[in-house]
């Protein structure tokens, strides 16, 4: 018997080719890697996807991910925020958005190769 497809929305996607999908009927988000997407492309936050849920020791993964309705990417607007955490050794961190939205992931490559400072 084939596994039943579930549906969700891309909550977050990183430059390291993975992210998280929120499931409307569950309180948790599940992990997704781009190797589970047919053409190994990045997912766009807000896109509606279907997938096969695979339970594992870390709380589950999305397998065989298909984009059902792609989110539209508008011109990128600049936002204000504060560096909440920065890992200089690994070159990434998180920005607390001034508008109160979810924290934003930031990588050193997007900062012209410069380290950022918390606060």
PDB file of N, CA and C in Angstrom:
ATOM      1  N   UNK A   1       0.838  -1.187   0.000  1.00  0.00           N
ATOM      2  CA  UNK A   1       0.000   0.000   0.000  1.00  0.00           C
ATOM      3  C   UNK A   1       0.887   1.257   0.000  1.00  0.00           C
ATOM      4  N   UNK A   2       0.605   2.166  -0.901  1.00  0.00           N
ATOM      5  CA  UNK A   2       1.389   3.391  -1.020  1.00  0.00           C
ATOM      6  C   UNK A   2       1.076   4.331   0.150  1.00  0.00           C
ATOM      7  N   UNK A   3       2.109   5.050   0.579  1.00  0.00           N
ATOM      8  CA  UNK A   3       1.923   6.022   1.660  1.00  0.00           C
ATOM      9  C   UNK A   3       1.066   7.183   1.166  1.00  0.00           C
ATOM     10  N   UNK A   4       0.253   7.726   2.054  1.00  0.00           N
ATOM     11  CA  UNK A   4      -0.639   8.828   1.706  1.00  0.00           C
ATOM     12  C   UNK A   4       0.131  10.148   1.698  1.00  0.00           C
ATOM     13  N   UNK A   5      -0.142  10.965   0.689  1.00  0.00           N
ATOM     14  CA  UNK A   5       0.509  12.275   0.594  1.00  0.00           C
ATOM     15  C   UNK A   5      -0.126  13.224   1.588  1.00  0.00           C
ATOM     16  N   UNK A   6       0.715  14.047   2.199  1.00  0.00           N
ATOM     17  CA  UNK A   6       0.255  15.102   3.100  1.00  0.00           C
ATOM     18  C   UNK A   6       0.532  16.437   2.424  1.00  0.00           C
ATOM     19  N   UNK A   7      -0.071  17.481   2.958  1.00  0.00           N
ATOM     20  CA  UNK A   7       0.077  18.813   2.377  1.00  0.00           C
ATOM     21  C   UNK A   7       0.567  19.793   3.437  1.00  0.00           C
ATOM     22  N   UNK A   8       1.337  20.773   2.987  1.00  0.00           N
ATOM     23  CA  UNK A   8       1.851  21.780   3.901  1.00  0.00           C
ATOM     24  C   UNK A   8       2.325  23.006   3.153  1.00  0.00           C
ATOM     25  N   UNK A   9       2.918  23.921   3.903  1.00  0.00           N
ATOM     26  CA  UNK A   9       3.423  25.179   3.359  1.00  0.00           C
ATOM     27  C   UNK A   9       4.878  25.331   3.793  1.00  0.00           C
ATOM     28  N   UNK A  10       5.732  25.754   2.871  1.00  0.00           N
ATOM     29  CA  UNK A  10       7.146  25.967   3.187  1.00  0.00           C
ATOM     30  C   UNK A  10       7.242  27.120   4.176  1.00  0.00           C
ATOM     31  N   UNK A  11       7.770  26.816   5.354  1.00  0.00           N
ATOM     32  CA  UNK A  11       7.879  27.808   6.434  1.00  0.00           C
ATOM     33  C   UNK A  11       9.215  28.549   6.376  1.00  0.00           C
ATOM     34  N   UNK A  12      10.282  27.792   6.087  1.00  0.00           N
ATOM     35  CA  UNK A  12      11.622  28.378   6.037  1.00  0.00           C
ATOM     36  C   UNK A  12      12.476  27.560   5.079  1.00  0.00           C
ATOM     37  N   UNK A  13      13.401  28.230   4.372  1.00  0.00           N
ATOM     38  CA  UNK A  13      14.332  27.547   3.479  1.00  0.00           C
ATOM     39  C   UNK A  13      15.682  28.218   3.603  1.00  0.00           C
ATOM     40  N   UNK A  14      16.759  27.433   3.708  1.00  0.00           N
ATOM     41  CA  UNK A  14      18.098  27.993   3.902  1.00  0.00           C
ATOM     42  C   UNK A  14      18.933  27.866   2.636  1.00  0.00           C
ATOM     43  N   UNK A  15      20.036  28.577   2.611  1.00  0.00           N
ATOM     44  CA  UNK A  15      20.981  28.482   1.500  1.00  0.00           C
ATOM     45  C   UNK A  15      21.726  27.154   1.500  1.00  0.00           C
ATOM     46  N   UNK A  16      21.595  26.393   2.559  1.00  0.00           N
ATOM     47  CA  UNK A  16      22.274  25.090   2.658  1.00  0.00           C
ATOM     48  C   UNK A  16      21.390  23.963   2.123  1.00  0.00           C
ATOM     49  N   UNK A  17      20.361  24.318   1.365  1.00  0.00           N
ATOM     50  CA  UNK A  17      19.500  23.354   0.659  1.00  0.00           C
ATOM     51  C   UNK A  17      18.581  22.538   1.545  1.00  0.00           C
ATOM     52  N   UNK A  18      18.158  23.113   2.655  1.00  0.00           N
ATOM     53  CA  UNK A  18      17.154  22.445   3.471  1.00  0.00           C
ATOM     54  C   UNK A  18      16.246  23.487   4.104  1.00  0.00           C
ATOM     55  N   UNK A  19      15.137  22.996   4.642  1.00  0.00           N
ATOM     56  CA  UNK A  19      14.199  23.901   5.283  1.00  0.00           C
ATOM     57  C   UNK A  19      13.137  23.139   6.041  1.00  0.00           C
ATOM     58  N   UNK A  20      12.029  23.829   6.313  1.00  0.00           N
ATOM     59  CA  UNK A  20      10.965  23.239   7.118  1.00  0.00           C
ATOM     60  C   UNK A  20       9.609  23.524   6.492  1.00  0.00           C
ATOM     61  N   UNK A  21       8.734  22.537   6.605  1.00  0.00           N
ATOM     62  CA  UNK A  21       7.382  22.617   6.070  1.00  0.00           C
ATOM     63  C   UNK A  21       6.414  22.561   7.242  1.00  0.00           C
ATOM     64  N   UNK A  22       5.485  23.517   7.296  1.00  0.00           N
ATOM     65  CA  UNK A  22       4.461  23.475   8.342  1.00  0.00           C
ATOM     66  C   UNK A  22       3.284  22.663   7.807  1.00  0.00           C
ATOM     67  N   UNK A  23       2.671  21.916   8.723  1.00  0.00           N
ATOM     68  CA  UNK A  23       1.523  21.084   8.364  1.00  0.00           C
ATOM     69  C   UNK A  23       0.305  21.650   9.079  1.00  0.00           C
ATOM     70  N   UNK A  24      -0.747  21.998   8.358  1.00  0.00           N
ATOM     71  CA  UNK A  24      -1.894  22.674   8.973  1.00  0.00           C
ATOM     72  C   UNK A  24      -2.572  21.874  10.084  1.00  0.00           C
ATOM     73  N   UNK A  25      -2.547  20.567  10.022  1.00  0.00           N
ATOM     74  CA  UNK A  25      -3.226  19.751  11.029  1.00  0.00           C
ATOM     75  C   UNK A  25      -2.334  19.369  12.205  1.00  0.00           C
ATOM     76  N   UNK A  26      -1.104  19.882  12.233  1.00  0.00           N
ATOM     77  CA  UNK A  26      -0.142  19.539  13.282  1.00  0.00           C
ATOM     78  C   UNK A  26       0.513  20.813  13.794  1.00  0.00           C
ATOM     79  N   UNK A  27       0.990  20.785  15.027  1.00  0.00           N
ATOM     80  CA  UNK A  27       1.622  21.973  15.594  1.00  0.00           C
ATOM     81  C   UNK A  27       3.105  22.073  15.233  1.00  0.00           C
ATOM     82  N   UNK A  28       3.677  20.983  14.730  1.00  0.00           N
ATOM     83  CA  UNK A  28       5.104  20.973  14.426  1.00  0.00           C
ATOM     84  C   UNK A  28       5.378  21.237  12.952  1.00  0.00           C
ATOM     85  N   UNK A  29       6.631  21.555  12.654  1.00  0.00           N
ATOM     86  CA  UNK A  29       7.105  21.656  11.281  1.00  0.00           C
ATOM     87  C   UNK A  29       8.035  20.477  11.050  1.00  0.00           C
ATOM     88  N   UNK A  30       8.147  20.039   9.799  1.00  0.00           N
ATOM     89  CA  UNK A  30       9.022  18.905   9.526  1.00  0.00           C
ATOM     90  C   UNK A  30      10.153  19.309   8.588  1.00  0.00           C
ATOM     91  N   UNK A  31      11.248  18.593   8.716  1.00  0.00           N
ATOM     92  CA  UNK A  31      12.465  18.837   7.962  1.00  0.00           C
ATOM     93  C   UNK A  31      12.290  18.405   6.509  1.00  0.00           C
ATOM     94  N   UNK A  32      12.914  19.157   5.608  1.00  0.00           N
ATOM     95  CA  UNK A  32      12.924  18.808   4.187  1.00  0.00           C
ATOM     96  C   UNK A  32      14.283  19.165   3.605  1.00  0.00           C
ATOM     97  N   UNK A  33      14.867  18.248   2.839  1.00  0.00           N
ATOM     98  CA  UNK A  33      16.134  18.496   2.145  1.00  0.00           C
ATOM     99  C   UNK A  33      15.859  18.534   0.653  1.00  0.00           C
ATOM    100  N   UNK A  34      16.629  19.325  -0.094  1.00  0.00           N
ATOM    101  CA  UNK A  34      16.336  19.456  -1.528  1.00  0.00           C
ATOM    102  C   UNK A  34      16.551  18.160  -2.309  1.00  0.00           C
ATOM    103  N   UNK A  35      17.207  17.167  -1.746  1.00  0.00           N
ATOM    104  CA  UNK A  35      17.355  15.888  -2.454  1.00  0.00           C
ATOM    105  C   UNK A  35      16.003  15.175  -2.577  1.00  0.00           C
ATOM    106  N   UNK A  36      14.998  15.638  -1.823  1.00  0.00           N
ATOM    107  CA  UNK A  36      13.649  15.065  -1.894  1.00  0.00           C
ATOM    108  C   UNK A  36      12.761  15.792  -2.903  1.00  0.00           C
ATOM    109  N   UNK A  37      13.326  16.778  -3.602  1.00  0.00           N
ATOM    110  CA  UNK A  37      12.600  17.540  -4.616  1.00  0.00           C
ATOM    111  C   UNK A  37      13.103  17.060  -5.972  1.00  0.00           C
ATOM    112  N   UNK A  38      12.217  16.727  -6.914  1.00  0.00           N
ATOM    113  CA  UNK A  38      12.645  16.118  -8.179  1.00  0.00           C
ATOM    114  C   UNK A  38      13.822  16.792  -8.871  1.00  0.00           C
ATOM    115  N   UNK A  39      13.849  18.104  -9.000  1.00  0.00           N
ATOM    116  CA  UNK A  39      14.965  18.760  -9.688  1.00  0.00           C
ATOM    117  C   UNK A  39      15.963  19.401  -8.719  1.00  0.00           C
ATOM    118  N   UNK A  40      15.837  19.057  -7.438  1.00  0.00           N
ATOM    119  CA  UNK A  40      16.739  19.515  -6.376  1.00  0.00           C
ATOM    120  C   UNK A  40      16.823  21.039  -6.274  1.00  0.00           C
ATOM    121  N   UNK A  41      15.752  21.711  -6.577  1.00  0.00           N
ATOM    122  CA  UNK A  41      15.740  23.173  -6.496  1.00  0.00           C
ATOM    123  C   UNK A  41      15.418  23.615  -5.074  1.00  0.00           C
ATOM    124  N   UNK A  42      15.633  24.881  -4.830  1.00  0.00           N
ATOM    125  CA  UNK A  42      15.265  25.464  -3.539  1.00  0.00           C
ATOM    126  C   UNK A  42      13.761  25.697  -3.532  1.00  0.00           C
ATOM    127  N   UNK A  43      13.169  25.580  -2.365  1.00  0.00           N
ATOM    128  CA  UNK A  43      11.755  25.892  -2.214  1.00  0.00           C
ATOM    129  C   UNK A  43      11.603  27.348  -1.810  1.00  0.00           C
ATOM    130  N   UNK A  44      10.485  27.949  -2.176  1.00  0.00           N
ATOM    131  CA  UNK A  44      10.210  29.340  -1.844  1.00  0.00           C
ATOM    132  C   UNK A  44       9.255  29.375  -0.662  1.00  0.00           C
ATOM    133  N   UNK A  45       9.611  30.154   0.354  1.00  0.00           N
ATOM    134  CA  UNK A  45       8.758  30.288   1.530  1.00  0.00           C
ATOM    135  C   UNK A  45       7.351  30.697   1.093  1.00  0.00           C
ATOM    136  N   UNK A  46       6.357  30.001   1.635  1.00  0.00           N
ATOM    137  CA  UNK A  46       4.969  30.274   1.301  1.00  0.00           C
ATOM    138  C   UNK A  46       4.401  29.353   0.233  1.00  0.00           C
ATOM    139  N   UNK A  47       5.263  28.589  -0.451  1.00  0.00           N
ATOM    140  CA  UNK A  47       4.781  27.652  -1.469  1.00  0.00           C
ATOM    141  C   UNK A  47       4.019  26.509  -0.813  1.00  0.00           C
ATOM    142  N   UNK A  48       2.964  26.058  -1.481  1.00  0.00           N
ATOM    143  CA  UNK A  48       2.197  24.908  -1.003  1.00  0.00           C
ATOM    144  C   UNK A  48       2.794  23.658  -1.632  1.00  0.00           C
ATOM    145  N   UNK A  49       3.048  22.653  -0.791  1.00  0.00           N
ATOM    146  CA  UNK A  49       3.695  21.427  -1.252  1.00  0.00           C
ATOM    147  C   UNK A  49       2.931  20.197  -0.773  1.00  0.00           C
ATOM    148  N   UNK A  50       3.177  19.078  -1.457  1.00  0.00           N
ATOM    149  CA  UNK A  50       2.696  17.790  -0.978  1.00  0.00           C
ATOM    150  C   UNK A  50       3.925  16.917  -0.781  1.00  0.00           C
ATOM    151  N   UNK A  51       3.802  15.923   0.088  1.00  0.00           N
ATOM    152  CA  UNK A  51       4.957  15.091   0.424  1.00  0.00           C
ATOM    153  C   UNK A  51       4.486  13.809   1.110  1.00  0.00           C
ATOM    154  N   UNK A  52       5.397  12.870   1.207  1.00  0.00           N
ATOM    155  CA  UNK A  52       5.191  11.656   1.989  1.00  0.00           C
ATOM    156  C   UNK A  52       5.908  11.875   3.315  1.00  0.00           C
ATOM    157  N   UNK A  53       5.195  11.698   4.419  1.00  0.00           N
ATOM    158  CA  UNK A  53       5.788  11.881   5.746  1.00  0.00           C
ATOM    159  C   UNK A  53       6.511  10.608   6.154  1.00  0.00           C
ATOM    160  N   UNK A  54       7.758  10.753   6.577  1.00  0.00           N
ATOM    161  CA  UNK A  54       8.571   9.624   7.047  1.00  0.00           C
ATOM    162  C   UNK A  54       8.999   9.923   8.477  1.00  0.00           C
ATOM    163  N   UNK A  55       8.500   9.130   9.420  1.00  0.00           N
ATOM    164  CA  UNK A  55       8.845   9.322  10.829  1.00  0.00           C
ATOM    165  C   UNK A  55      10.296   8.903  11.060  1.00  0.00           C
ATOM    166  N   UNK A  56      11.004   9.629  11.913  1.00  0.00           N
ATOM    167  CA  UNK A  56      12.370   9.261  12.279  1.00  0.00           C
ATOM    168  C   UNK A  56      12.658   9.728  13.697  1.00  0.00           C
ATOM    169  N   UNK A  57      13.878   9.508  14.154  1.00  0.00           N
ATOM    170  CA  UNK A  57      14.247   9.824  15.537  1.00  0.00           C
ATOM    171  C   UNK A  57      14.270  11.318  15.830  1.00  0.00           C
ATOM    172  N   UNK A  58      14.295  12.147  14.808  1.00  0.00           N
ATOM    173  CA  UNK A  58      14.348  13.602  15.007  1.00  0.00           C
ATOM    174  C   UNK A  58      12.983  14.262  14.837  1.00  0.00           C
ATOM    175  N   UNK A  59      11.948  13.480  14.611  1.00  0.00           N
ATOM    176  CA  UNK A  59      10.615  14.061  14.516  1.00  0.00           C
ATOM    177  C   UNK A  59       9.976  14.006  13.145  1.00  0.00           C
ATOM    178  N   UNK A  60      10.634  13.449  12.165  1.00  0.00           N
ATOM    179  CA  UNK A  60      10.018  13.270  10.861  1.00  0.00           C
ATOM    180  C   UNK A  60      10.630  14.101   9.760  1.00  0.00           C
ATOM    181  N   UNK A  61      10.487  13.579   8.532  1.00  0.00           N
ATOM    182  CA  UNK A  61      11.026  14.235   7.344  1.00  0.00           C
ATOM    183  C   UNK A  61       9.997  14.189   6.232  1.00  0.00           C
ATOM    184  N   UNK A  62      10.122  15.143   5.320  1.00  0.00           N
ATOM    185  CA  UNK A  62       9.302  15.154   4.113  1.00  0.00           C
ATOM    186  C   UNK A  62      10.077  14.432   3.012  1.00  0.00           C
ATOM    187  N   UNK A  63       9.434  13.471   2.370  1.00  0.00           N
ATOM    188  CA  UNK A  63      10.028  12.720   1.264  1.00  0.00           C
ATOM    189  C   UNK A  63       9.180  12.954   0.018  1.00  0.00           C
ATOM    190  N   UNK A  64       9.786  12.776  -1.147  1.00  0.00           N
ATOM    191  CA  UNK A  64       9.065  12.885  -2.428  1.00  0.00           C
ATOM    192  C   UNK A  64       8.239  14.174  -2.500  1.00  0.00           C
ATOM    193  N   UNK A  65       8.889  15.293  -2.260  1.00  0.00           N
ATOM    194  CA  UNK A  65       8.219  16.601  -2.191  1.00  0.00           C
ATOM    195  C   UNK A  65       7.870  17.117  -3.588  1.00  0.00           C
ATOM    196  N   UNK A  66       6.622  17.545  -3.733  1.00  0.00           N
ATOM    197  CA  UNK A  66       6.158  18.147  -4.986  1.00  0.00           C
ATOM    198  C   UNK A  66       5.573  19.522  -4.688  1.00  0.00           C
ATOM    199  N   UNK A  67       5.905  20.505  -5.522  1.00  0.00           N
ATOM    200  CA  UNK A  67       5.329  21.841  -5.375  1.00  0.00           C
ATOM    201  C   UNK A  67       3.945  21.815  -6.009  1.00  0.00           C
ATOM    202  N   UNK A  68       2.940  22.130  -5.215  1.00  0.00           N
ATOM    203  CA  UNK A  68       1.558  22.152  -5.701  1.00  0.00           C
ATOM    204  C   UNK A  68       1.158  23.550  -6.162  1.00  0.00           C
ATOM    205  N   UNK A  69       1.647  24.562  -5.449  1.00  0.00           N
ATOM    206  CA  UNK A  69       1.355  25.953  -5.789  1.00  0.00           C
ATOM    207  C   UNK A  69       2.531  26.802  -5.326  1.00  0.00           C
ATOM    208  N   UNK A  70       3.310  27.285  -6.279  1.00  0.00           N
ATOM    209  CA  UNK A  70       4.511  28.053  -5.941  1.00  0.00           C
ATOM    210  C   UNK A  70       4.152  29.459  -5.478  1.00  0.00           C
ATOM    211  N   UNK A  71       4.851  29.910  -4.465  1.00  0.00           N
ATOM    212  CA  UNK A  71       4.691  31.294  -4.004  1.00  0.00           C
ATOM    213  C   UNK A  71       5.382  32.211  -5.002  1.00  0.00           C
ATOM    214  N   UNK A  72       4.890  33.406  -5.113  1.00  0.00           N
ATOM    215  CA  UNK A  72       5.468  34.388  -6.019  1.00  0.00           C
ATOM    216  C   UNK A  72       6.501  35.195  -5.246  1.00  0.00           C
ATOM    217  N   UNK A  73       7.663  35.345  -5.832  1.00  0.00           N
ATOM    218  CA  UNK A  73       8.712  36.146  -5.202  1.00  0.00           C
ATOM    219  C   UNK A  73       8.617  37.563  -5.737  1.00  0.00           C
ATOM    220  N   UNK A  74       8.368  38.497  -4.856  1.00  0.00           N
ATOM    221  CA  UNK A  74       8.300  39.908  -5.235  1.00  0.00           C
ATOM    222  C   UNK A  74       9.680  40.518  -5.072  1.00  0.00           C
ATOM    223  N   UNK A  75       9.819  41.725  -5.532  1.00  0.00           N
ATOM    224  CA  UNK A  75      11.089  42.416  -5.315  1.00  0.00           C
ATOM    225  C   UNK A  75      11.418  42.362  -3.834  1.00  0.00           C
ATOM    226  N   UNK A  76      12.671  42.098  -3.544  1.00  0.00           N
ATOM    227  CA  UNK A  76      13.083  42.001  -2.148  1.00  0.00           C
ATOM    228  C   UNK A  76      13.077  43.385  -1.506  1.00  0.00           C
ATOM    229  N   UNK A  77      12.343  43.486  -0.426  1.00  0.00           N
ATOM    230  CA  UNK A  77      12.288  44.749   0.314  1.00  0.00           C
ATOM    231  C   UNK A  77      13.278  44.682   1.469  1.00  0.00           C
ATOM    232  N   UNK A  78      13.860  45.767   1.775  1.00  0.00           N
ATOM    233  CA  UNK A  78      14.772  45.812   2.915  1.00  0.00           C
ATOM    234  C   UNK A  78      13.966  45.899   4.195  1.00  0.00           C
ATOM    235  N   UNK A  79      14.469  45.238   5.233  1.00  0.00           N
ATOM    236  CA  UNK A  79      13.826  45.267   6.538  1.00  0.00           C
ATOM    237  C   UNK A  79      14.848  45.691   7.570  1.00  0.00           C
ATOM    238  N   UNK A  80      14.365  46.162   8.696  1.00  0.00           N
ATOM    239  CA  UNK A  80      15.223  46.527   9.819  1.00  0.00           C
ATOM    240  C   UNK A  80      15.196  45.393  10.829  1.00  0.00           C
ATOM    241  N   UNK A  81      16.294  45.214  11.540  1.00  0.00           N
ATOM    242  CA  UNK A  81      16.350  44.186  12.559  1.00  0.00           C
ATOM    243  C   UNK A  81      17.627  44.288  13.372  1.00  0.00           C
ATOM    244  N   UNK A  82      17.729  43.402  14.355  1.00  0.00           N
ATOM    245  CA  UNK A  82      18.881  43.359  15.255  1.00  0.00           C
ATOM    246  C   UNK A  82      19.494  41.966  15.201  1.00  0.00           C
ATOM    247  N   UNK A  83      20.818  41.896  15.150  1.00  0.00           N
ATOM    248  CA  UNK A  83      21.481  40.591  15.159  1.00  0.00           C
ATOM    249  C   UNK A  83      21.218  39.946  16.514  1.00  0.00           C
ATOM    250  N   UNK A  84      20.497  38.852  16.486  1.00  0.00           N
ATOM    251  CA  UNK A  84      20.109  38.152  17.706  1.00  0.00           C
ATOM    252  C   UNK A  84      21.192  37.153  18.128  1.00  0.00           C
ATOM    253  N   UNK A  85      21.684  36.401  17.157  1.00  0.00           N
ATOM    254  CA  UNK A  85      22.761  35.425  17.414  1.00  0.00           C
ATOM    255  C   UNK A  85      23.692  35.421  16.223  1.00  0.00           C
ATOM    256  N   UNK A  86      24.985  35.250  16.498  1.00  0.00           N
ATOM    257  CA  UNK A  86      25.970  35.157  15.415  1.00  0.00           C
ATOM    258  C   UNK A  86      27.016  34.130  15.781  1.00  0.00           C
ATOM    259  N   UNK A  87      27.255  33.174  14.886  1.00  0.00           N
ATOM    260  CA  UNK A  87      28.275  32.151  15.068  1.00  0.00           C
ATOM    261  C   UNK A  87      29.403  32.468  14.097  1.00  0.00           C
ATOM    262  N   UNK A  88      30.421  33.183  14.584  1.00  0.00           N
ATOM    263  CA  UNK A  88      31.525  33.618  13.729  1.00  0.00           C
ATOM    264  C   UNK A  88      32.295  32.430  13.166  1.00  0.00           C
ATOM    265  N   UNK A  89      32.414  31.355  13.929  1.00  0.00           N
ATOM    266  CA  UNK A  89      33.138  30.169  13.470  1.00  0.00           C
ATOM    267  C   UNK A  89      32.472  29.549  12.238  1.00  0.00           C
ATOM    268  N   UNK A  90      31.145  29.522  12.234  1.00  0.00           N
ATOM    269  CA  UNK A  90      30.415  28.922  11.116  1.00  0.00           C
ATOM    270  C   UNK A  90      29.922  29.950  10.099  1.00  0.00           C
ATOM    271  N   UNK A  91      29.969  31.230  10.468  1.00  0.00           N
ATOM    272  CA  UNK A  91      29.621  32.279   9.529  1.00  0.00           C
ATOM    273  C   UNK A  91      28.138  32.472   9.272  1.00  0.00           C
ATOM    274  N   UNK A  92      27.316  32.243  10.287  1.00  0.00           N
ATOM    275  CA  UNK A  92      25.891  32.490  10.114  1.00  0.00           C
ATOM    276  C   UNK A  92      25.270  32.914  11.428  1.00  0.00           C
ATOM    277  N   UNK A  93      24.034  33.409  11.338  1.00  0.00           N
ATOM    278  CA  UNK A  93      23.322  33.829  12.531  1.00  0.00           C
ATOM    279  C   UNK A  93      21.870  34.121  12.223  1.00  0.00           C
ATOM    280  N   UNK A  94      21.232  34.811  13.155  1.00  0.00           N
ATOM    281  CA  UNK A  94      19.811  35.111  13.020  1.00  0.00           C
ATOM    282  C   UNK A  94      19.555  36.573  13.372  1.00  0.00           C
ATOM    283  N   UNK A  95      18.654  37.176  12.606  1.00  0.00           N
ATOM    284  CA  UNK A  95      18.279  38.565  12.820  1.00  0.00           C
ATOM    285  C   UNK A  95      16.854  38.595  13.368  1.00  0.00           C
ATOM    286  N   UNK A  96      16.663  39.318  14.462  1.00  0.00           N
ATOM    287  CA  UNK A  96      15.334  39.532  15.024  1.00  0.00           C
ATOM    288  C   UNK A  96      14.710  40.692  14.251  1.00  0.00           C
ATOM    289  N   UNK A  97      13.611  40.429  13.548  1.00  0.00           N
ATOM    290  CA  UNK A  97      12.989  41.446  12.701  1.00  0.00           C
ATOM    291  C   UNK A  97      12.289  42.518  13.533  1.00  0.00           C
ATOM    292  N   UNK A  98      12.487  43.773  13.148  1.00  0.00           N
ATOM    293  CA  UNK A  98      11.873  44.901  13.850  1.00  0.00           C
ATOM    294  C   UNK A  98      10.348  44.863  13.752  1.00  0.00           C
ATOM    295  N   UNK A  99       9.809  44.269  12.677  1.00  0.00           N
ATOM    296  CA  UNK A  99       8.356  44.217  12.497  1.00  0.00           C
ATOM    297  C   UNK A  99       7.703  43.087  13.289  1.00  0.00           C
ATOM    298  N   UNK A 100       8.517  42.319  14.039  1.00  0.00           N
ATOM    299  CA  UNK A 100       7.971  41.257  14.884  1.00  0.00           C
ATOM    300  C   UNK A 100       7.807  39.925  14.185  1.00  0.00           C
ATOM    301  N   UNK A 101       8.181  39.803  12.925  1.00  0.00           N
ATOM    302  CA  UNK A 101       8.067  38.538  12.203  1.00  0.00           C
ATOM    303  C   UNK A 101       9.071  37.513  12.711  1.00  0.00           C
ATOM    304  N   UNK A 102       9.037  36.314  12.124  1.00  0.00           N
ATOM    305  CA  UNK A 102       9.985  35.265  12.492  1.00  0.00           C
ATOM    306  C   UNK A 102      11.415  35.757  12.284  1.00  0.00           C
ATOM    307  N   UNK A 103      12.339  35.238  13.107  1.00  0.00           N
ATOM    308  CA  UNK A 103      13.746  35.571  12.933  1.00  0.00           C
ATOM    309  C   UNK A 103      14.194  35.177  11.530  1.00  0.00           C
ATOM    310  N   UNK A 104      15.116  35.952  10.975  1.00  0.00           N
ATOM    311  CA  UNK A 104      15.634  35.689   9.633  1.00  0.00           C
ATOM    312  C   UNK A 104      17.032  35.094   9.724  1.00  0.00           C
ATOM    313  N   UNK A 105      17.287  34.055   8.939  1.00  0.00           N
ATOM    314  CA  UNK A 105      18.612  33.447   8.836  1.00  0.00           C
ATOM    315  C   UNK A 105      19.478  34.347   7.968  1.00  0.00           C
ATOM    316  N   UNK A 106      20.742  34.518   8.344  1.00  0.00           N
ATOM    317  CA  UNK A 106      21.671  35.298   7.526  1.00  0.00           C
ATOM    318  C   UNK A 106      23.010  34.566   7.492  1.00  0.00           C
ATOM    319  N   UNK A 107      23.602  34.511   6.303  1.00  0.00           N
ATOM    320  CA  UNK A 107      24.908  33.870   6.131  1.00  0.00           C
ATOM    321  C   UNK A 107      25.935  34.936   5.771  1.00  0.00           C
ATOM    322  N   UNK A 108      27.160  34.697   6.186  1.00  0.00           N
ATOM    323  CA  UNK A 108      28.264  35.624   5.964  1.00  0.00           C
ATOM    324  C   UNK A 108      28.422  35.989   4.485  1.00  0.00           C
ATOM    325  N   UNK A 109      28.136  35.044   3.584  1.00  0.00           N
ATOM    326  CA  UNK A 109      28.273  35.316   2.149  1.00  0.00           C
ATOM    327  C   UNK A 109      27.365  36.455   1.696  1.00  0.00           C
ATOM    328  N   UNK A 110      26.240  36.651   2.371  1.00  0.00           N
ATOM    329  CA  UNK A 110      25.307  37.712   2.001  1.00  0.00           C
ATOM    330  C   UNK A 110      25.685  39.044   2.641  1.00  0.00           C
ATOM    331  N   UNK A 111      26.740  39.049   3.428  1.00  0.00           N
ATOM    332  CA  UNK A 111      27.194  40.267   4.131  1.00  0.00           C
ATOM    333  C   UNK A 111      28.558  40.683   3.610  1.00  0.00           C
ATOM    334  N   UNK A 112      28.793  40.466   2.330  1.00  0.00           N
ATOM    335  CA  UNK A 112      30.062  40.786   1.706  1.00  0.00           C
ATOM    336  C   UNK A 112      31.240  40.153   2.423  1.00  0.00           C
ATOM    337  N   UNK A 113      30.993  38.953   3.007  1.00  0.00           N
ATOM    338  CA  UNK A 113      32.054  38.204   3.658  1.00  0.00           C
ATOM    339  C   UNK A 113      32.436  38.692   5.039  1.00  0.00           C
ATOM    340  N   UNK A 114      31.705  39.658   5.581  1.00  0.00           N
ATOM    341  CA  UNK A 114      32.024  40.220   6.893  1.00  0.00           C
ATOM    342  C   UNK A 114      31.263  39.514   8.004  1.00  0.00           C
ATOM    343  N   UNK A 115      31.916  39.385   9.159  1.00  0.00           N
ATOM    344  CA  UNK A 115      31.224  38.880  10.339  1.00  0.00           C
ATOM    345  C   UNK A 115      30.315  39.973  10.883  1.00  0.00           C
ATOM    346  N   UNK A 116      29.215  39.555  11.479  1.00  0.00           N
ATOM    347  CA  UNK A 116      28.298  40.499  12.114  1.00  0.00           C
ATOM    348  C   UNK A 116      28.497  40.443  13.622  1.00  0.00           C
ATOM    349  N   UNK A 117      27.963  41.429  14.324  1.00  0.00           N
ATOM    350  CA  UNK A 117      28.110  41.516  15.772  1.00  0.00           C
ATOM    351  C   UNK A 117      26.723  41.522  16.389  1.00  0.00           C
ATOM    352  N   UNK A 118      26.516  40.702  17.422  1.00  0.00           N
ATOM    353  CA  UNK A 118      25.231  40.648  18.096  1.00  0.00           C
ATOM    354  C   UNK A 118      24.877  41.992  18.709  1.00  0.00           C
ATOM    355  N   UNK A 119      23.575  42.304  18.667  1.00  0.00           N
ATOM    356  CA  UNK A 119      23.080  43.539  19.259  1.00  0.00           C
ATOM    357  C   UNK A 119      22.933  44.582  18.225  1.00  0.00           C
TER     358      UNK A 119
END
